[in-house]
């Protein structure tokens, strides 16, 4: 079985007030359960597009909606499906390697992703049947 936890929400500190705005922050090893090796963001994704549609062999991620709304669906190899709605910049979603995930965005959404590994195509599992084969408990 997997050594990784299942997907879960992370609440980052929300410092400030409405009159001056807010800042959220974390430092290495505080709330993100891995060393961040890559940061990327997506934006201007049409609402009709579903992104993701993959899992990983090794990469862990935390997804944050920096702006707008992101609907994330995770599926575990045992068939467990969860739906997460990210729309507050101080809340992130931990996505382990063993979770097939898809994302759908409001047009104004900006998704920030903290990843545990640099990009490597061989780490991606892009076929759902292969995901089930690799991650189903033996």
N, C-alpha and C. Protein backbone atom coordinates (compact mmCIF):
# COMPACT_ATOMS: atom_id res chain seq x y z
N UNK A 1 0.84 -1.20 0.00
CA UNK A 1 0.00 0.00 0.00
C UNK A 1 0.87 1.24 0.00
N UNK A 2 0.28 2.37 -0.19
CA UNK A 2 0.99 3.63 -0.32
C UNK A 2 1.53 4.13 1.01
N UNK A 3 2.69 4.76 0.96
CA UNK A 3 3.26 5.39 2.15
C UNK A 3 2.79 6.83 2.27
N UNK A 4 1.97 7.30 1.33
CA UNK A 4 1.50 8.68 1.30
C UNK A 4 0.10 8.77 1.90
N UNK A 5 -0.22 9.91 2.54
CA UNK A 5 -1.60 10.09 3.01
C UNK A 5 -2.54 10.32 1.82
N UNK A 6 -3.83 10.19 2.05
CA UNK A 6 -4.82 10.50 1.03
C UNK A 6 -4.92 12.02 0.86
N UNK A 7 -5.57 12.49 -0.19
CA UNK A 7 -5.72 13.94 -0.38
C UNK A 7 -6.38 14.59 0.85
N UNK A 8 -5.91 15.80 1.19
CA UNK A 8 -6.50 16.54 2.30
C UNK A 8 -6.25 18.03 2.12
N UNK A 9 -7.10 18.83 2.76
CA UNK A 9 -6.97 20.28 2.70
C UNK A 9 -5.97 20.77 3.73
N UNK A 10 -5.23 21.81 3.36
CA UNK A 10 -4.26 22.47 4.23
C UNK A 10 -4.72 23.92 4.38
N UNK A 11 -4.88 24.38 5.61
CA UNK A 11 -5.24 25.78 5.83
C UNK A 11 -3.98 26.55 6.22
N UNK A 12 -3.58 27.46 5.34
CA UNK A 12 -2.43 28.32 5.61
C UNK A 12 -2.89 29.49 6.48
N UNK A 13 -1.99 30.10 7.24
CA UNK A 13 -2.38 31.27 8.03
C UNK A 13 -2.93 32.37 7.11
N UNK A 14 -3.92 33.08 7.58
CA UNK A 14 -4.51 34.21 6.84
C UNK A 14 -4.32 35.43 7.73
N UNK A 15 -3.31 36.22 7.39
CA UNK A 15 -2.94 37.37 8.22
C UNK A 15 -3.39 38.66 7.55
N UNK A 16 -3.98 39.56 8.31
CA UNK A 16 -4.41 40.84 7.77
C UNK A 16 -5.84 41.12 8.14
N UNK A 17 -6.44 42.03 7.39
CA UNK A 17 -7.82 42.42 7.61
C UNK A 17 -8.37 43.03 6.32
N UNK A 18 -9.70 43.13 6.22
CA UNK A 18 -10.28 43.60 4.97
C UNK A 18 -9.77 44.97 4.51
N UNK A 19 -9.48 45.85 5.43
CA UNK A 19 -9.05 47.20 5.06
C UNK A 19 -7.67 47.28 4.44
N UNK A 20 -6.83 46.31 4.73
CA UNK A 20 -5.46 46.36 4.20
C UNK A 20 -5.10 45.15 3.33
N UNK A 21 -5.95 44.13 3.35
CA UNK A 21 -5.67 42.92 2.59
C UNK A 21 -5.04 41.85 3.45
N UNK A 22 -4.68 40.75 2.80
CA UNK A 22 -4.21 39.57 3.52
C UNK A 22 -2.92 39.02 2.91
N UNK A 23 -2.23 38.26 3.72
CA UNK A 23 -1.07 37.49 3.27
C UNK A 23 -1.17 36.12 3.92
N UNK A 24 -0.85 35.11 3.15
CA UNK A 24 -0.74 33.75 3.67
C UNK A 24 0.68 33.28 3.42
N UNK A 25 1.20 32.51 4.36
CA UNK A 25 2.60 32.13 4.27
C UNK A 25 2.82 30.76 4.89
N UNK A 26 3.80 30.06 4.38
CA UNK A 26 4.30 28.87 5.05
C UNK A 26 5.79 28.81 4.78
N UNK A 27 6.50 28.19 5.67
CA UNK A 27 7.93 27.99 5.48
C UNK A 27 8.18 26.50 5.37
N UNK A 28 9.31 26.15 4.80
CA UNK A 28 9.61 24.74 4.54
C UNK A 28 9.36 23.88 5.77
N UNK A 29 8.67 22.77 5.55
CA UNK A 29 8.36 21.77 6.58
C UNK A 29 7.33 22.22 7.60
N UNK A 30 6.67 23.37 7.40
CA UNK A 30 5.62 23.75 8.34
C UNK A 30 4.31 23.06 7.98
N UNK A 31 3.71 23.40 6.85
CA UNK A 31 2.43 22.83 6.46
C UNK A 31 2.51 21.98 5.20
N UNK A 32 3.45 22.27 4.34
CA UNK A 32 3.64 21.48 3.12
C UNK A 32 4.48 20.26 3.50
N UNK A 33 3.95 19.05 3.28
CA UNK A 33 4.61 17.85 3.82
C UNK A 33 5.77 17.31 2.98
N UNK A 34 6.40 18.16 2.18
CA UNK A 34 7.53 17.74 1.36
C UNK A 34 8.38 18.95 1.04
N UNK A 35 9.61 18.70 0.60
CA UNK A 35 10.48 19.78 0.13
C UNK A 35 9.98 20.21 -1.24
N UNK A 36 9.75 21.50 -1.42
CA UNK A 36 9.25 22.03 -2.69
C UNK A 36 10.41 22.12 -3.66
N UNK A 37 10.28 21.41 -4.78
CA UNK A 37 11.34 21.38 -5.80
C UNK A 37 10.92 22.11 -7.09
N UNK A 38 9.59 22.35 -7.23
CA UNK A 38 9.10 23.02 -8.43
C UNK A 38 7.84 23.79 -8.07
N UNK A 39 7.69 24.97 -8.66
CA UNK A 39 6.50 25.80 -8.49
C UNK A 39 6.03 26.19 -9.89
N UNK A 40 4.75 26.00 -10.15
CA UNK A 40 4.20 26.47 -11.42
C UNK A 40 2.78 26.94 -11.20
N UNK A 41 2.24 27.67 -12.17
CA UNK A 41 0.88 28.17 -12.07
C UNK A 41 0.20 28.10 -13.42
N UNK A 42 -1.13 27.93 -13.37
CA UNK A 42 -1.94 27.91 -14.58
C UNK A 42 -2.96 29.05 -14.48
N UNK A 43 -3.35 29.58 -15.64
CA UNK A 43 -4.28 30.70 -15.65
C UNK A 43 -4.93 30.82 -17.02
N UNK A 44 -6.04 31.56 -17.09
CA UNK A 44 -6.83 31.76 -18.31
C UNK A 44 -7.29 30.44 -18.93
N UNK A 45 -7.53 29.45 -18.12
CA UNK A 45 -8.02 28.18 -18.63
C UNK A 45 -9.52 28.31 -18.89
N UNK A 46 -9.99 28.03 -20.10
CA UNK A 46 -11.44 28.11 -20.36
C UNK A 46 -12.21 27.19 -19.42
N UNK A 47 -13.39 27.63 -19.01
CA UNK A 47 -14.20 26.87 -18.05
C UNK A 47 -14.59 25.50 -18.57
N UNK A 48 -14.63 25.32 -19.87
CA UNK A 48 -15.05 24.03 -20.44
C UNK A 48 -13.93 23.00 -20.46
N UNK A 49 -12.73 23.40 -20.14
CA UNK A 49 -11.56 22.51 -20.21
C UNK A 49 -11.35 21.80 -18.87
N UNK A 50 -11.12 20.50 -18.93
CA UNK A 50 -10.74 19.72 -17.74
C UNK A 50 -9.26 19.40 -17.87
N UNK A 51 -8.48 19.86 -16.91
CA UNK A 51 -7.04 19.61 -16.93
C UNK A 51 -6.69 18.51 -15.95
N UNK A 52 -5.44 18.15 -15.95
CA UNK A 52 -4.97 17.08 -15.07
C UNK A 52 -5.11 15.76 -15.80
N UNK A 53 -6.06 14.94 -15.36
CA UNK A 53 -6.30 13.61 -15.95
C UNK A 53 -5.03 12.77 -15.89
N UNK A 54 -4.42 12.75 -14.70
CA UNK A 54 -3.22 11.95 -14.51
C UNK A 54 -2.98 11.72 -13.02
N UNK A 55 -2.04 10.85 -12.74
CA UNK A 55 -1.49 10.62 -11.40
C UNK A 55 0.03 10.63 -11.58
N UNK A 56 0.73 10.38 -10.52
CA UNK A 56 2.20 10.35 -10.58
C UNK A 56 2.72 9.07 -9.94
N UNK A 57 3.94 8.74 -10.29
CA UNK A 57 4.64 7.66 -9.61
C UNK A 57 5.19 8.15 -8.27
N UNK A 58 5.76 9.38 -8.26
CA UNK A 58 6.45 9.88 -7.07
C UNK A 58 6.05 11.28 -6.63
N UNK A 59 5.64 12.15 -7.52
CA UNK A 59 5.45 13.57 -7.20
C UNK A 59 4.24 13.83 -6.32
N UNK A 60 4.48 14.56 -5.24
CA UNK A 60 3.42 15.08 -4.37
C UNK A 60 3.20 16.54 -4.74
N UNK A 61 1.96 17.03 -4.56
CA UNK A 61 1.66 18.40 -4.92
C UNK A 61 0.73 19.03 -3.89
N UNK A 62 0.80 20.35 -3.80
CA UNK A 62 -0.21 21.14 -3.09
C UNK A 62 -0.74 22.14 -4.10
N UNK A 63 -2.07 22.13 -4.32
CA UNK A 63 -2.74 23.02 -5.26
C UNK A 63 -3.41 24.14 -4.47
N UNK A 64 -3.26 25.37 -4.94
CA UNK A 64 -3.87 26.53 -4.29
C UNK A 64 -4.55 27.37 -5.37
N UNK A 65 -5.78 27.80 -5.11
CA UNK A 65 -6.46 28.74 -6.00
C UNK A 65 -6.03 30.14 -5.56
N UNK A 66 -5.06 30.70 -6.26
CA UNK A 66 -4.59 32.05 -5.94
C UNK A 66 -5.66 33.09 -6.26
N UNK A 67 -6.51 32.76 -7.21
CA UNK A 67 -7.65 33.60 -7.59
C UNK A 67 -8.70 32.69 -8.22
N UNK A 68 -9.94 33.10 -8.15
CA UNK A 68 -11.01 32.34 -8.78
C UNK A 68 -11.33 31.04 -8.05
N UNK A 69 -11.93 30.11 -8.79
CA UNK A 69 -12.39 28.84 -8.23
C UNK A 69 -11.81 27.68 -9.04
N UNK A 70 -11.37 26.66 -8.33
CA UNK A 70 -10.88 25.44 -8.96
C UNK A 70 -11.61 24.27 -8.33
N UNK A 71 -12.23 23.45 -9.15
CA UNK A 71 -12.88 22.24 -8.67
C UNK A 71 -11.95 21.08 -8.98
N UNK A 72 -11.50 20.40 -7.94
CA UNK A 72 -10.55 19.29 -8.08
C UNK A 72 -11.27 18.00 -7.71
N UNK A 73 -11.18 17.03 -8.59
CA UNK A 73 -11.70 15.69 -8.30
C UNK A 73 -10.52 14.76 -8.16
N UNK A 74 -10.48 14.03 -7.04
CA UNK A 74 -9.42 13.04 -6.84
C UNK A 74 -10.06 11.66 -6.82
N UNK A 75 -9.33 10.69 -7.35
CA UNK A 75 -9.77 9.29 -7.33
C UNK A 75 -8.62 8.43 -6.87
N UNK A 76 -8.89 7.56 -5.91
CA UNK A 76 -7.89 6.60 -5.47
C UNK A 76 -8.12 5.29 -6.22
N UNK A 77 -7.13 4.45 -6.27
CA UNK A 77 -7.23 3.20 -7.03
C UNK A 77 -8.32 2.28 -6.50
N UNK A 78 -8.71 2.45 -5.23
CA UNK A 78 -9.78 1.61 -4.67
C UNK A 78 -11.17 2.12 -5.05
N UNK A 79 -11.22 3.21 -5.85
CA UNK A 79 -12.49 3.74 -6.31
C UNK A 79 -13.01 4.92 -5.50
N UNK A 80 -12.34 5.29 -4.41
CA UNK A 80 -12.76 6.43 -3.60
C UNK A 80 -12.59 7.72 -4.40
N UNK A 81 -13.69 8.46 -4.54
CA UNK A 81 -13.67 9.72 -5.28
C UNK A 81 -14.06 10.84 -4.32
N UNK A 82 -13.28 11.94 -4.35
CA UNK A 82 -13.58 13.12 -3.54
C UNK A 82 -13.56 14.35 -4.42
N UNK A 83 -14.42 15.30 -4.09
CA UNK A 83 -14.52 16.56 -4.81
C UNK A 83 -14.11 17.67 -3.86
N UNK A 84 -13.18 18.52 -4.29
CA UNK A 84 -12.70 19.64 -3.49
C UNK A 84 -12.93 20.92 -4.28
N UNK A 85 -13.44 21.93 -3.60
CA UNK A 85 -13.67 23.22 -4.24
C UNK A 85 -12.69 24.21 -3.60
N UNK A 86 -11.71 24.63 -4.37
CA UNK A 86 -10.71 25.58 -3.88
C UNK A 86 -11.11 26.97 -4.38
N UNK A 87 -11.33 27.90 -3.46
CA UNK A 87 -11.69 29.25 -3.87
C UNK A 87 -11.23 30.29 -2.85
N UNK A 88 -10.39 29.88 -1.93
CA UNK A 88 -9.83 30.80 -0.95
C UNK A 88 -8.32 30.63 -0.98
N UNK A 89 -7.58 31.71 -1.22
CA UNK A 89 -6.12 31.58 -1.39
C UNK A 89 -5.36 31.10 -0.17
N UNK A 90 -6.03 30.98 0.98
CA UNK A 90 -5.29 30.47 2.15
C UNK A 90 -5.58 28.98 2.40
N UNK A 91 -6.19 28.31 1.41
CA UNK A 91 -6.46 26.88 1.53
C UNK A 91 -5.82 26.15 0.35
N UNK A 92 -5.06 25.12 0.64
CA UNK A 92 -4.44 24.31 -0.40
C UNK A 92 -4.91 22.88 -0.30
N UNK A 93 -4.74 22.14 -1.38
CA UNK A 93 -5.11 20.72 -1.40
C UNK A 93 -3.86 19.89 -1.63
N UNK A 94 -3.56 19.02 -0.69
CA UNK A 94 -2.46 18.08 -0.85
C UNK A 94 -2.93 16.96 -1.78
N UNK A 95 -2.16 16.69 -2.83
CA UNK A 95 -2.47 15.61 -3.77
C UNK A 95 -1.27 14.65 -3.80
N UNK A 96 -1.44 13.44 -3.28
CA UNK A 96 -0.34 12.47 -3.27
C UNK A 96 -0.17 11.84 -4.65
N UNK A 97 0.94 11.15 -4.89
CA UNK A 97 1.16 10.51 -6.19
C UNK A 97 0.07 9.51 -6.56
N UNK A 98 -0.49 8.84 -5.56
CA UNK A 98 -1.43 7.76 -5.84
C UNK A 98 -2.87 8.24 -6.10
N UNK A 99 -3.04 9.54 -6.32
CA UNK A 99 -4.39 10.08 -6.58
C UNK A 99 -4.48 10.57 -8.03
N UNK A 100 -5.37 9.95 -8.79
CA UNK A 100 -5.72 10.44 -10.12
C UNK A 100 -6.46 11.76 -9.87
N UNK A 101 -6.14 12.81 -10.60
CA UNK A 101 -6.80 14.08 -10.32
C UNK A 101 -7.11 14.86 -11.60
N UNK A 102 -8.23 15.56 -11.52
CA UNK A 102 -8.64 16.46 -12.60
C UNK A 102 -8.99 17.80 -11.97
N UNK A 103 -8.85 18.86 -12.77
CA UNK A 103 -9.16 20.20 -12.30
C UNK A 103 -10.01 20.90 -13.36
N UNK A 104 -10.99 21.66 -12.88
CA UNK A 104 -11.79 22.51 -13.74
C UNK A 104 -11.82 23.89 -13.09
N UNK A 105 -11.71 24.93 -13.92
CA UNK A 105 -11.44 26.28 -13.42
C UNK A 105 -12.53 27.27 -13.81
N UNK A 106 -12.75 28.27 -12.94
CA UNK A 106 -13.48 29.45 -13.38
C UNK A 106 -12.51 30.22 -14.30
N UNK A 107 -13.04 31.04 -15.18
CA UNK A 107 -12.17 31.71 -16.16
C UNK A 107 -11.08 32.54 -15.49
N UNK A 108 -11.39 33.14 -14.36
CA UNK A 108 -10.43 34.02 -13.69
C UNK A 108 -9.48 33.27 -12.76
N UNK A 109 -9.57 31.96 -12.72
CA UNK A 109 -8.76 31.19 -11.76
C UNK A 109 -7.28 31.22 -12.09
N UNK A 110 -6.50 31.34 -11.04
CA UNK A 110 -5.05 31.18 -11.11
C UNK A 110 -4.70 30.08 -10.12
N UNK A 111 -4.13 29.00 -10.63
CA UNK A 111 -3.76 27.87 -9.78
C UNK A 111 -2.26 27.90 -9.55
N UNK A 112 -1.87 27.89 -8.29
CA UNK A 112 -0.47 27.79 -7.90
C UNK A 112 -0.23 26.36 -7.45
N UNK A 113 0.85 25.74 -7.95
CA UNK A 113 1.15 24.36 -7.59
C UNK A 113 2.56 24.29 -7.00
N UNK A 114 2.66 23.70 -5.82
CA UNK A 114 3.93 23.40 -5.18
C UNK A 114 4.15 21.91 -5.38
N UNK A 115 5.27 21.53 -5.97
CA UNK A 115 5.52 20.13 -6.30
C UNK A 115 6.81 19.64 -5.65
N UNK A 116 6.83 18.35 -5.33
CA UNK A 116 7.97 17.75 -4.64
C UNK A 116 9.11 17.36 -5.58
N UNK A 117 8.89 17.47 -6.89
CA UNK A 117 9.91 17.04 -7.85
C UNK A 117 9.90 17.95 -9.07
N UNK A 118 11.03 18.02 -9.73
CA UNK A 118 11.09 18.75 -10.99
C UNK A 118 10.32 17.96 -12.05
N UNK A 119 9.96 18.63 -13.13
CA UNK A 119 9.18 17.97 -14.18
C UNK A 119 9.98 16.83 -14.81
N UNK A 120 9.34 15.69 -14.89
CA UNK A 120 9.92 14.53 -15.55
C UNK A 120 8.75 13.75 -16.15
N UNK A 121 8.66 13.69 -17.45
CA UNK A 121 7.52 13.06 -18.12
C UNK A 121 7.32 11.62 -17.65
N UNK A 122 8.40 10.91 -17.37
CA UNK A 122 8.27 9.50 -16.96
C UNK A 122 7.59 9.34 -15.60
N UNK A 123 7.44 10.43 -14.83
CA UNK A 123 6.75 10.37 -13.54
C UNK A 123 5.23 10.40 -13.70
N UNK A 124 4.75 10.80 -14.87
CA UNK A 124 3.31 10.94 -15.10
C UNK A 124 2.68 9.60 -15.50
N UNK A 125 1.51 9.34 -14.93
CA UNK A 125 0.69 8.19 -15.34
C UNK A 125 -0.52 8.80 -16.03
N UNK A 126 -0.57 8.73 -17.34
CA UNK A 126 -1.60 9.43 -18.11
C UNK A 126 -2.74 8.53 -18.57
N UNK A 127 -2.61 7.23 -18.37
CA UNK A 127 -3.68 6.29 -18.73
C UNK A 127 -4.35 5.79 -17.46
N UNK A 128 -5.66 5.95 -17.39
CA UNK A 128 -6.40 5.59 -16.18
C UNK A 128 -6.24 4.11 -15.82
N UNK A 129 -6.27 3.23 -16.81
CA UNK A 129 -6.11 1.79 -16.53
C UNK A 129 -4.74 1.50 -15.92
N UNK A 130 -3.71 2.18 -16.40
CA UNK A 130 -2.37 1.99 -15.85
C UNK A 130 -2.31 2.50 -14.41
N UNK A 131 -2.93 3.63 -14.16
CA UNK A 131 -3.03 4.16 -12.79
C UNK A 131 -3.63 3.10 -11.86
N UNK A 132 -4.74 2.51 -12.26
CA UNK A 132 -5.40 1.49 -11.43
C UNK A 132 -4.48 0.30 -11.21
N UNK A 133 -3.78 -0.12 -12.26
CA UNK A 133 -2.88 -1.28 -12.17
C UNK A 133 -1.73 -0.99 -11.20
N UNK A 134 -1.13 0.18 -11.32
CA UNK A 134 0.03 0.53 -10.51
C UNK A 134 -0.32 0.75 -9.04
N UNK A 135 -1.43 1.44 -8.77
CA UNK A 135 -1.73 1.88 -7.42
C UNK A 135 -2.76 1.04 -6.68
N UNK A 136 -3.36 0.03 -7.33
CA UNK A 136 -4.30 -0.82 -6.61
C UNK A 136 -3.52 -1.68 -5.61
N UNK A 137 -3.95 -1.68 -4.35
CA UNK A 137 -3.24 -2.49 -3.34
C UNK A 137 -3.22 -3.97 -3.76
N UNK A 138 -2.10 -4.60 -3.59
CA UNK A 138 -1.92 -6.00 -3.96
C UNK A 138 -2.37 -6.92 -2.85
